[in-house]
């Protein structure tokens, strides 16, 4: 695409005319002008008056297209205003209307910045409407055009690409895109609370809770300044505090988020909040409280099945499996192995071969039968490696399993084996709280 910043008005007209396959003779005849004059205009040798320019634009069907500098500035401002509207559901239709009014941008082969901004705003609207496959396809077509993009387009692209990658579960890949735009503060665009919230969630996803806390606290403070609330930011922040062991802070945030979710009758958010709170209770050693919270989650899910009050099917399955797993784990900690075994059967059935949960339920069964050689093999070769490679909450499970294995081998007086699991646990801990992040190969 030609760089518009080095083109004169006449050169822009020539690019549009050629793109439409119109000869200079035909244009001169249609607007009742002189071919020689138009040739000189297109090569920057003469200027034209407003009447001639209006006639040319009408003939080329670009009456409202931005050709002059002040028009380009106006279009840029309207595009950025449109982008700001997208985050507000009440303004989405207005944003679509503005974008439609600016569609002349697509006929300008030289306005790379305007063209990219337009396409990226289209992708943002598609994302708001949750059409993720269409958004991914469109962003992949935009990516080759990003060389020398303006700062605003660069920001929109990496933010959108990061989000699309994150919803597919690649938190590290998403983080790589997000971190490229955290320092951008142009006159028109800058990182906001949603971006820092997503960065925090990505850090949770790769098992870096302290990094997550820094960004989620920043997001929460930004929400407060704008008198907005985000239950999901609070819940994720509370989870991060749970992982690092700051349980009092976690409890306060969980309680506040739960009140907000119940006030809004947001069933999904209530369920997610209660599920993470059960993890907090388990970490405090309050296993009966954990079981009670899990039972509340399962009751909400059962009610939702009967009345369709707000939990998406895929999300519900994850919530139910997590609640059953945490409840099952609590019964194991309480040494009520009969109830634990009963719940393992229910959990496996609900998990339906989902590896994350299947490994978890298998691991719990192996812990019950830890003196069995096949149980030890599964824990050592499958469960612990699986959880070591997972997110923040998975790494907690990895640490728990290492603790169980260490205790088992100490009981067997296998000091070398016990020491090996002490080392593995220390490595997991150091990676979570002290380790650097490498993006090589991503």
Protein backbone atom coordinates (compact mmCIF):
# COMPACT_ATOMS: atom_id res chain seq x y z
CA UNK A 1 0.00 0.00 0.00
CA UNK A 2 1.30 3.48 -0.94
CA UNK A 3 2.25 5.85 1.90
CA UNK A 4 -0.33 8.65 1.90
CA UNK A 5 1.93 11.03 3.81
CA UNK A 6 4.13 11.59 0.73
CA UNK A 7 1.30 11.96 -1.78
CA UNK A 8 -0.14 15.19 -3.09
CA UNK A 9 -3.86 15.52 -3.77
CA UNK A 10 -3.49 14.86 -7.48
CA UNK A 11 -1.42 11.75 -6.89
CA UNK A 12 -4.14 10.40 -4.62
CA UNK A 13 -6.71 10.99 -7.35
CA UNK A 14 -4.52 9.11 -9.83
CA UNK A 15 -4.18 6.09 -7.50
CA UNK A 16 -7.95 5.94 -6.99
CA UNK A 17 -8.65 6.31 -10.73
CA UNK A 18 -6.17 3.57 -11.60
CA UNK A 19 -7.54 1.30 -8.87
CA UNK A 20 -11.00 1.67 -10.41
CA UNK A 21 -9.64 1.02 -13.93
CA UNK A 22 -10.78 4.39 -15.31
CA UNK A 23 -8.81 6.10 -18.08
CA UNK A 24 -7.78 9.74 -17.90
CA UNK A 25 -9.72 10.36 -21.15
CA UNK A 26 -12.94 9.03 -19.66
CA UNK A 27 -12.58 11.10 -16.49
CA UNK A 28 -11.80 14.27 -18.46
CA UNK A 29 -14.85 13.71 -20.66
CA UNK A 30 -17.18 12.93 -17.74
CA UNK A 31 -16.32 16.03 -15.71
CA UNK A 32 -15.99 18.27 -18.81
CA UNK A 33 -12.36 19.06 -18.14
CA UNK A 34 -9.11 19.06 -20.07
CA UNK A 35 -7.03 15.86 -20.20
CA UNK A 36 -3.76 17.77 -20.14
CA UNK A 37 -4.85 19.71 -17.05
CA UNK A 38 -5.88 16.50 -15.27
CA UNK A 39 -2.57 14.86 -16.20
CA UNK A 40 -0.66 17.77 -14.71
CA UNK A 41 -2.93 17.74 -11.63
CA UNK A 42 -2.27 14.05 -11.03
CA UNK A 43 1.47 14.62 -11.26
CA UNK A 44 1.46 17.50 -8.79
CA UNK A 45 2.19 20.22 -11.32
CA UNK A 46 -1.01 22.24 -10.85
CA UNK A 47 -3.74 22.64 -8.24
CA UNK A 48 -7.49 22.51 -8.73
CA UNK A 49 -10.36 24.52 -7.35
CA UNK A 50 -13.12 23.18 -5.11
CA UNK A 51 -15.57 22.85 -7.99
CA UNK A 52 -13.23 20.63 -10.04
CA UNK A 53 -12.32 18.56 -6.99
CA UNK A 54 -16.00 18.03 -6.18
CA UNK A 55 -16.65 16.91 -9.77
CA UNK A 56 -13.73 14.46 -9.70
CA UNK A 57 -14.82 12.98 -6.36
CA UNK A 58 -18.41 12.60 -7.58
CA UNK A 59 -17.28 10.85 -10.76
CA UNK A 60 -14.99 8.49 -8.83
CA UNK A 61 -17.82 7.87 -6.31
CA UNK A 62 -15.73 9.08 -3.38
CA UNK A 63 -17.66 12.24 -2.46
CA UNK A 64 -17.07 11.77 1.27
CA UNK A 65 -13.64 10.16 1.10
CA UNK A 66 -10.85 11.96 2.98
CA UNK A 67 -8.30 13.31 0.51
CA UNK A 68 -7.25 16.57 2.15
CA UNK A 69 -5.21 16.67 5.35
CA UNK A 70 -7.99 18.09 7.53
CA UNK A 71 -10.34 15.38 6.22
CA UNK A 72 -7.88 12.65 7.14
CA UNK A 73 -7.55 14.14 10.65
CA UNK A 74 -11.34 14.20 11.02
CA UNK A 75 -11.69 10.59 9.86
CA UNK A 76 -8.96 9.47 12.26
CA UNK A 77 -10.71 11.19 15.17
CA UNK A 78 -14.05 9.62 14.26
CA UNK A 79 -12.49 6.16 13.97
CA UNK A 80 -10.85 6.44 17.39
CA UNK A 81 -14.13 7.71 18.89
CA UNK A 82 -15.83 4.70 17.33
CA UNK A 83 -13.23 2.40 18.92
CA UNK A 84 -13.91 3.93 22.34
CA UNK A 85 -17.64 3.24 21.95
CA UNK A 86 -17.21 -0.48 21.33
CA UNK A 87 -16.58 -1.26 25.00
CA UNK A 88 -20.02 0.14 25.90
CA UNK A 89 -22.80 -2.25 24.87
CA UNK A 90 -25.28 0.64 24.73
CA UNK A 91 -23.14 2.44 22.14
CA UNK A 92 -22.33 -0.56 19.93
CA UNK A 93 -24.99 0.22 17.32
CA UNK A 94 -23.84 3.83 17.19
CA UNK A 95 -20.27 2.61 16.62
CA UNK A 96 -21.48 0.42 13.75
CA UNK A 97 -23.27 3.40 12.20
CA UNK A 98 -20.16 5.56 12.38
CA UNK A 99 -18.04 2.81 10.84
CA UNK A 100 -20.53 2.46 7.98
CA UNK A 101 -20.38 6.20 7.35
CA UNK A 102 -16.58 5.99 7.11
CA UNK A 103 -16.52 3.04 4.70
CA UNK A 104 -15.06 5.25 1.94
CA UNK A 105 -11.73 4.52 3.60
CA UNK A 106 -11.80 1.08 1.99
CA UNK A 107 -11.63 2.65 -1.47
CA UNK A 108 -8.41 4.54 -0.73
CA UNK A 109 -5.38 2.39 -1.69
CA UNK A 110 -2.91 4.84 -0.17
CA UNK A 111 -4.37 5.55 3.30
CA UNK A 112 -2.70 2.67 5.13
CA UNK A 113 -3.28 4.00 8.65
CA UNK A 114 -6.96 4.78 8.14
CA UNK A 115 -7.44 1.47 6.33
CA UNK A 116 -5.86 -0.53 9.18
CA UNK A 117 -7.77 1.35 11.87
CA UNK A 118 -11.02 0.67 10.02
CA UNK A 119 -10.31 -3.07 9.68
CA UNK A 120 -9.18 -3.41 13.30
CA UNK A 121 -12.31 -1.68 14.57
CA UNK A 122 -14.35 -4.10 12.45
CA UNK A 123 -12.54 -6.97 14.21
CA UNK A 124 -13.24 -5.41 17.62
CA UNK A 125 -16.96 -5.26 16.85
CA UNK A 126 -16.92 -8.90 15.72
CA UNK A 127 -15.20 -9.81 19.02
CA UNK A 128 -17.82 -7.97 21.08
CA UNK A 129 -20.42 -10.04 19.25
CA UNK A 130 -18.43 -13.17 20.27
CA UNK A 131 -17.85 -14.39 16.71
CA UNK A 132 -14.33 -15.59 17.53
CA UNK A 133 -13.65 -17.65 14.36
CA UNK A 134 -14.55 -14.69 12.13
CA UNK A 135 -12.40 -12.34 14.23
CA UNK A 136 -9.43 -14.73 14.08
CA UNK A 137 -9.75 -15.08 10.31
CA UNK A 138 -9.90 -11.31 9.83
CA UNK A 139 -6.97 -10.54 12.13
CA UNK A 140 -4.82 -13.09 10.27
CA UNK A 141 -5.48 -11.18 7.03
CA UNK A 142 -4.58 -7.88 8.68
CA UNK A 143 -1.30 -9.11 10.16
CA UNK A 144 0.75 -8.92 6.90
CA UNK A 145 -0.29 -5.25 6.56
CA UNK A 146 1.11 -4.22 9.94
CA UNK A 147 4.59 -3.16 8.79
CA UNK A 148 5.04 0.56 9.56
CA UNK A 149 1.53 0.80 11.05
CA UNK A 150 0.71 3.89 13.09
CA UNK A 151 0.91 3.64 16.88
CA UNK A 152 -2.88 3.41 17.28
CA UNK A 153 -3.18 0.54 14.78
CA UNK A 154 -0.20 -1.21 16.40
CA UNK A 155 -1.96 -0.97 19.77
CA UNK A 156 -5.30 -2.25 18.46
CA UNK A 157 -3.69 -5.14 16.59
CA UNK A 158 -1.63 -6.50 19.49
CA UNK A 159 -4.47 -6.06 21.96
CA UNK A 160 -6.90 -7.91 19.69
CA UNK A 161 -4.40 -10.62 18.73
CA UNK A 162 -3.50 -11.15 22.39
CA UNK A 163 -7.14 -11.57 23.36
CA UNK A 164 -7.83 -14.05 20.57
CA UNK A 165 -4.78 -16.09 21.60
CA UNK A 166 -5.74 -16.00 25.28
CA UNK A 167 -9.29 -17.30 24.76
CA UNK A 168 -7.69 -20.29 23.03
CA UNK A 169 -5.70 -20.99 26.19
CA UNK A 170 -2.27 -19.77 25.06
CA UNK A 171 -1.58 -17.37 27.94
CA UNK A 172 2.11 -16.98 27.19
CA UNK A 173 1.44 -16.17 23.55
CA UNK A 174 -1.18 -13.63 24.59
CA UNK A 175 1.19 -12.03 27.09
CA UNK A 176 3.82 -11.59 24.39
CA UNK A 177 1.39 -9.40 22.43
CA UNK A 178 0.05 -7.52 25.45
CA UNK A 179 3.47 -6.55 26.78
CA UNK A 180 4.34 -4.85 23.48
CA UNK A 181 1.70 -2.17 24.07
CA UNK A 182 1.82 -1.44 27.82
CA UNK A 183 4.03 1.63 27.33
CA UNK A 184 1.99 3.22 24.52
CA UNK A 185 0.47 6.54 25.52
CA UNK A 186 -0.40 8.49 22.38
CA UNK A 187 -2.70 11.50 22.26
CA UNK A 188 -5.55 9.21 21.19
CA UNK A 189 -5.01 5.85 22.85
CA UNK A 190 -3.36 4.32 25.92
CA UNK A 191 -3.44 1.10 27.98
CA UNK A 192 -6.56 0.85 30.12
CA UNK A 193 -8.06 -1.21 32.92
CA UNK A 194 -9.23 -3.97 30.58
CA UNK A 195 -5.75 -4.45 29.12
CA UNK A 196 -4.12 -4.68 32.56
CA UNK A 197 -6.87 -7.05 33.66
CA UNK A 198 -6.14 -9.31 30.68
CA UNK A 199 -2.41 -9.13 31.40
CA UNK A 200 -3.10 -10.18 34.99
CA UNK A 201 -5.22 -13.10 33.83
CA UNK A 202 -2.48 -14.14 31.40
CA UNK A 203 0.07 -14.12 34.23
CA UNK A 204 -2.26 -16.31 36.29
CA UNK A 205 -2.50 -18.59 33.26
CA UNK A 206 1.28 -19.12 33.16
CA UNK A 207 1.56 -19.50 36.93
CA UNK A 208 3.08 -16.11 37.83
CA UNK A 209 0.81 -14.86 40.64
CA UNK A 210 2.93 -11.92 41.81
CA UNK A 211 3.09 -10.52 38.28
CA UNK A 212 -0.68 -11.04 38.09
CA UNK A 213 -1.28 -9.12 41.33
CA UNK A 214 0.66 -6.06 40.11
CA UNK A 215 -1.43 -5.78 36.95
CA UNK A 216 -4.78 -6.75 38.49
CA UNK A 217 -4.34 -4.20 41.29
CA UNK A 218 -3.61 -1.58 38.65
CA UNK A 219 -6.74 -2.61 36.75
CA UNK A 220 -8.84 -2.54 39.93
CA UNK A 221 -7.58 0.94 40.82
CA UNK A 222 -8.41 2.19 37.32
CA UNK A 223 -11.93 0.78 37.61
CA UNK A 224 -12.36 2.61 40.92
CA UNK A 225 -11.25 5.92 39.41
CA UNK A 226 -13.87 5.60 36.67
CA UNK A 227 -16.57 4.47 39.15
CA UNK A 228 -16.81 1.16 37.33
CA UNK A 229 -16.63 -2.32 38.77
CA UNK A 230 -15.41 -5.61 37.40
CA UNK A 231 -16.21 -8.70 39.43
CA UNK A 232 -13.90 -10.78 37.25
CA UNK A 233 -10.91 -8.57 38.05
CA UNK A 234 -11.67 -8.90 41.76
CA UNK A 235 -12.12 -12.66 41.58
CA UNK A 236 -8.90 -13.19 39.61
CA UNK A 237 -7.00 -10.89 41.98
CA UNK A 238 -8.36 -12.81 44.98
CA UNK A 239 -7.27 -16.08 43.34
CA UNK A 240 -3.76 -14.66 42.87
CA UNK A 241 -3.62 -13.64 46.54
CA UNK A 242 -4.82 -17.14 47.47
CA UNK A 243 -2.00 -18.71 45.46
CA UNK A 244 0.68 -16.57 47.13
CA UNK A 245 -0.78 -17.25 50.58
CA UNK A 246 -2.17 -13.78 51.39
CA UNK A 247 -5.42 -15.35 52.49
CA UNK A 248 -6.86 -12.41 54.46
CA UNK A 249 -6.63 -10.10 51.42
CA UNK A 250 -8.08 -12.83 49.22
CA UNK A 251 -11.06 -13.34 51.56
CA UNK A 252 -11.91 -9.61 51.64
CA UNK A 253 -11.87 -9.34 47.85
CA UNK A 254 -13.83 -12.57 47.36
CA UNK A 255 -16.51 -11.37 49.80
CA UNK A 256 -16.86 -7.99 48.05
CA UNK A 257 -17.03 -9.61 44.61
CA UNK A 258 -19.64 -12.08 45.81
CA UNK A 259 -21.86 -9.28 47.15
CA UNK A 260 -21.62 -7.45 43.79
CA UNK A 261 -22.38 -10.61 41.82
CA UNK A 262 -25.39 -11.46 43.99
CA UNK A 263 -26.69 -7.90 43.75
CA UNK A 264 -26.51 -8.18 39.95
CA UNK A 265 -27.93 -11.74 40.06
CA UNK A 266 -24.98 -12.78 37.90
CA UNK A 267 -25.16 -16.55 38.39
CA UNK A 268 -22.00 -17.39 36.45
CA UNK A 269 -19.90 -14.90 38.40
CA UNK A 270 -21.41 -16.13 41.70
CA UNK A 271 -20.44 -19.70 40.80
CA UNK A 272 -16.89 -18.76 39.76
CA UNK A 273 -16.45 -16.72 42.94
CA UNK A 274 -17.69 -19.52 45.21
CA UNK A 275 -15.53 -22.08 43.39
CA UNK A 276 -12.35 -20.06 43.96
CA UNK A 277 -13.42 -19.34 47.53
CA UNK A 278 -13.55 -23.10 48.10
CA UNK A 279 -9.88 -23.24 47.06
CA UNK A 280 -9.15 -20.54 49.63
CA UNK A 281 -10.98 -22.55 52.33
CA UNK A 282 -9.01 -25.65 51.42
CA UNK A 283 -5.74 -23.73 51.63
CA UNK A 284 -6.77 -22.53 55.12
CA UNK A 285 -7.42 -26.14 56.10
CA UNK A 286 -11.14 -25.47 56.55
CA UNK A 287 -12.33 -28.49 54.59
CA UNK A 288 -15.92 -28.45 55.83
CA UNK A 289 -16.29 -24.85 54.65
CA UNK A 290 -14.81 -25.87 51.29
CA UNK A 291 -17.41 -28.64 50.96
CA UNK A 292 -20.22 -26.23 51.87
CA UNK A 293 -19.10 -23.70 49.23
CA UNK A 294 -18.84 -26.43 46.59
CA UNK A 295 -22.35 -27.60 47.47
CA UNK A 296 -23.62 -24.04 46.91
CA UNK A 297 -21.97 -24.00 43.49
CA UNK A 298 -23.49 -27.33 42.51
CA UNK A 299 -26.93 -26.17 43.72
CA UNK A 300 -26.68 -23.04 41.55
CA UNK A 301 -25.72 -25.17 38.55
CA UNK A 302 -28.63 -27.55 39.18
CA UNK A 303 -31.03 -24.60 39.46
CA UNK A 304 -29.61 -23.15 36.26
CA UNK A 305 -30.29 -26.44 34.46
CA UNK A 306 -33.92 -26.19 35.52
CA UNK A 307 -34.46 -22.51 34.85
CA UNK A 308 -31.71 -21.41 32.40
CA UNK A 309 -30.71 -18.44 34.52
CA UNK A 310 -27.30 -17.66 33.21
CA UNK A 311 -24.41 -20.15 33.06
CA UNK A 312 -23.13 -21.12 29.62
CA UNK A 313 -23.04 -24.87 29.01
CA UNK A 314 -19.25 -25.16 28.53
CA UNK A 315 -18.52 -22.89 31.49
CA UNK A 316 -21.00 -24.77 33.66
CA UNK A 317 -19.24 -28.07 33.06
CA UNK A 318 -15.89 -26.55 34.10
CA UNK A 319 -17.46 -25.00 37.21
CA UNK A 320 -19.17 -28.24 38.23
CA UNK A 321 -16.04 -30.34 37.67
CA UNK A 322 -13.95 -27.88 39.69
CA UNK A 323 -16.48 -27.85 42.54
CA UNK A 324 -16.66 -31.64 42.64
CA UNK A 325 -12.86 -31.88 42.52
CA UNK A 326 -12.38 -29.40 45.38
CA UNK A 327 -15.08 -31.16 47.43
CA UNK A 328 -13.49 -34.53 46.68
CA UNK A 329 -10.06 -33.21 47.68
CA UNK A 330 -11.49 -31.96 50.97
CA UNK A 331 -12.93 -35.39 51.78
CA UNK A 332 -9.50 -36.85 51.01
CA UNK A 333 -7.84 -34.37 53.40
CA UNK A 334 -10.43 -35.35 56.03
CA UNK A 335 -9.55 -39.03 55.37
CA UNK A 336 -13.15 -39.79 54.41
CA UNK A 337 -12.00 -41.99 51.55
CA UNK A 338 -15.40 -43.60 50.94
CA UNK A 339 -17.04 -40.26 50.12
CA UNK A 340 -13.96 -39.22 48.17
CA UNK A 341 -14.11 -42.38 46.05
CA UNK A 342 -17.85 -41.87 45.40
CA UNK A 343 -17.24 -38.32 44.20
CA UNK A 344 -14.35 -39.44 42.00
CA UNK A 345 -16.79 -41.61 40.04
CA UNK A 346 -19.21 -38.67 39.65
CA UNK A 347 -16.40 -36.33 38.64
CA UNK A 348 -14.99 -38.68 36.01
CA UNK A 349 -18.42 -39.05 34.46
CA UNK A 350 -18.90 -35.28 34.29
CA UNK A 351 -15.34 -34.63 33.09
CA UNK A 352 -16.02 -36.74 29.99
CA UNK A 353 -12.33 -37.31 29.18
CA UNK A 354 -11.34 -33.65 29.79
CA UNK A 355 -7.64 -34.18 30.55
CA UNK A 356 -7.35 -31.49 33.23
CA UNK A 357 -10.07 -33.01 35.38
CA UNK A 358 -9.48 -36.65 34.46
CA UNK A 359 -5.88 -36.39 35.67
CA UNK A 360 -7.07 -34.72 38.86
CA UNK A 361 -9.62 -37.38 39.75
CA UNK A 362 -7.17 -40.15 38.83
CA UNK A 363 -4.52 -38.52 41.04
CA UNK A 364 -6.88 -38.42 44.02
CA UNK A 365 -7.70 -42.09 43.55
CA UNK A 366 -3.99 -42.86 43.37
CA UNK A 367 -3.41 -40.98 46.63
CA UNK A 368 -6.06 -43.11 48.31
CA UNK A 369 -4.21 -46.20 47.02
CA UNK A 370 -0.70 -44.77 47.29
CA UNK A 371 0.88 -48.05 48.38
CA UNK A 372 -0.04 -49.50 45.00
CA UNK A 373 2.89 -49.47 42.52
CA UNK A 374 0.68 -48.43 39.61
CA UNK A 375 -0.63 -45.49 41.67
CA UNK A 376 2.89 -44.30 42.38
CA UNK A 377 3.78 -44.61 38.70
CA UNK A 378 0.75 -42.55 37.64
CA UNK A 379 1.48 -39.82 40.17
CA UNK A 380 5.16 -39.63 39.19
CA UNK A 381 4.87 -39.98 35.42
CA UNK A 382 1.51 -38.35 34.65
CA UNK A 383 -0.09 -36.27 37.40
CA UNK A 384 2.85 -34.27 38.75
CA UNK A 385 4.31 -33.42 35.28
CA UNK A 386 0.80 -32.43 34.11
CA UNK A 387 0.21 -30.04 37.00
CA UNK A 388 3.75 -28.63 36.90
CA UNK A 389 3.08 -27.49 33.33
CA UNK A 390 -0.30 -25.93 34.19
CA UNK A 391 -1.52 -22.56 35.44
CA UNK A 392 -1.33 -21.06 38.94
CA UNK A 393 -4.01 -23.25 40.53
CA UNK A 394 -2.55 -26.32 38.79
CA UNK A 395 0.84 -25.59 40.31
CA UNK A 396 -0.77 -25.54 43.75
CA UNK A 397 -1.94 -29.09 43.03
CA UNK A 398 1.56 -30.01 41.84
CA UNK A 399 2.98 -28.74 45.14
CA UNK A 400 0.32 -30.70 47.08
CA UNK A 401 1.15 -33.90 45.20
CA UNK A 402 4.87 -33.41 45.83
CA UNK A 403 4.10 -32.96 49.53
CA UNK A 404 2.11 -36.20 49.54
CA UNK A 405 4.88 -38.07 47.71
CA UNK A 406 7.52 -36.69 50.07
CA UNK A 407 5.46 -37.85 53.08
CA UNK A 408 4.92 -41.26 51.48
CA UNK A 409 8.63 -41.85 50.87
CA UNK A 410 9.56 -40.60 54.35
CA UNK A 411 7.12 -43.13 55.77
CA UNK A 412 8.85 -45.80 53.67
CA UNK A 413 12.22 -44.47 54.89
CA UNK A 414 13.24 -43.81 51.29
CA UNK A 415 15.19 -40.65 52.11
CA UNK A 416 16.60 -40.09 48.61
CA UNK A 417 13.17 -40.28 47.01
CA UNK A 418 11.69 -37.99 49.66
CA UNK A 419 14.48 -35.45 49.11
CA UNK A 420 13.85 -35.57 45.35
CA UNK A 421 10.26 -34.41 45.86
CA UNK A 422 11.42 -31.68 48.23
CA UNK A 423 13.62 -30.45 45.37
CA UNK A 424 10.81 -30.68 42.78
CA UNK A 425 8.49 -28.71 45.06
CA UNK A 426 11.15 -26.06 45.62
CA UNK A 427 11.72 -25.75 41.85
CA UNK A 428 7.99 -25.31 41.22
CA UNK A 429 7.78 -22.69 43.96
CA UNK A 430 10.81 -20.77 42.70
CA UNK A 431 9.52 -20.86 39.12
CA UNK A 432 6.16 -19.43 40.23
CA UNK A 433 7.49 -16.68 42.45
CA UNK A 434 11.03 -15.96 41.29
CA UNK A 435 11.45 -17.33 37.77
CA UNK A 436 11.88 -15.16 34.70
CA UNK A 437 9.59 -15.43 31.67
CA UNK A 438 11.10 -16.43 28.35
CA UNK A 439 9.18 -15.84 25.12
CA UNK A 440 11.68 -17.60 22.87
CA UNK A 441 10.00 -19.87 20.37
CA UNK A 442 6.60 -18.19 20.67
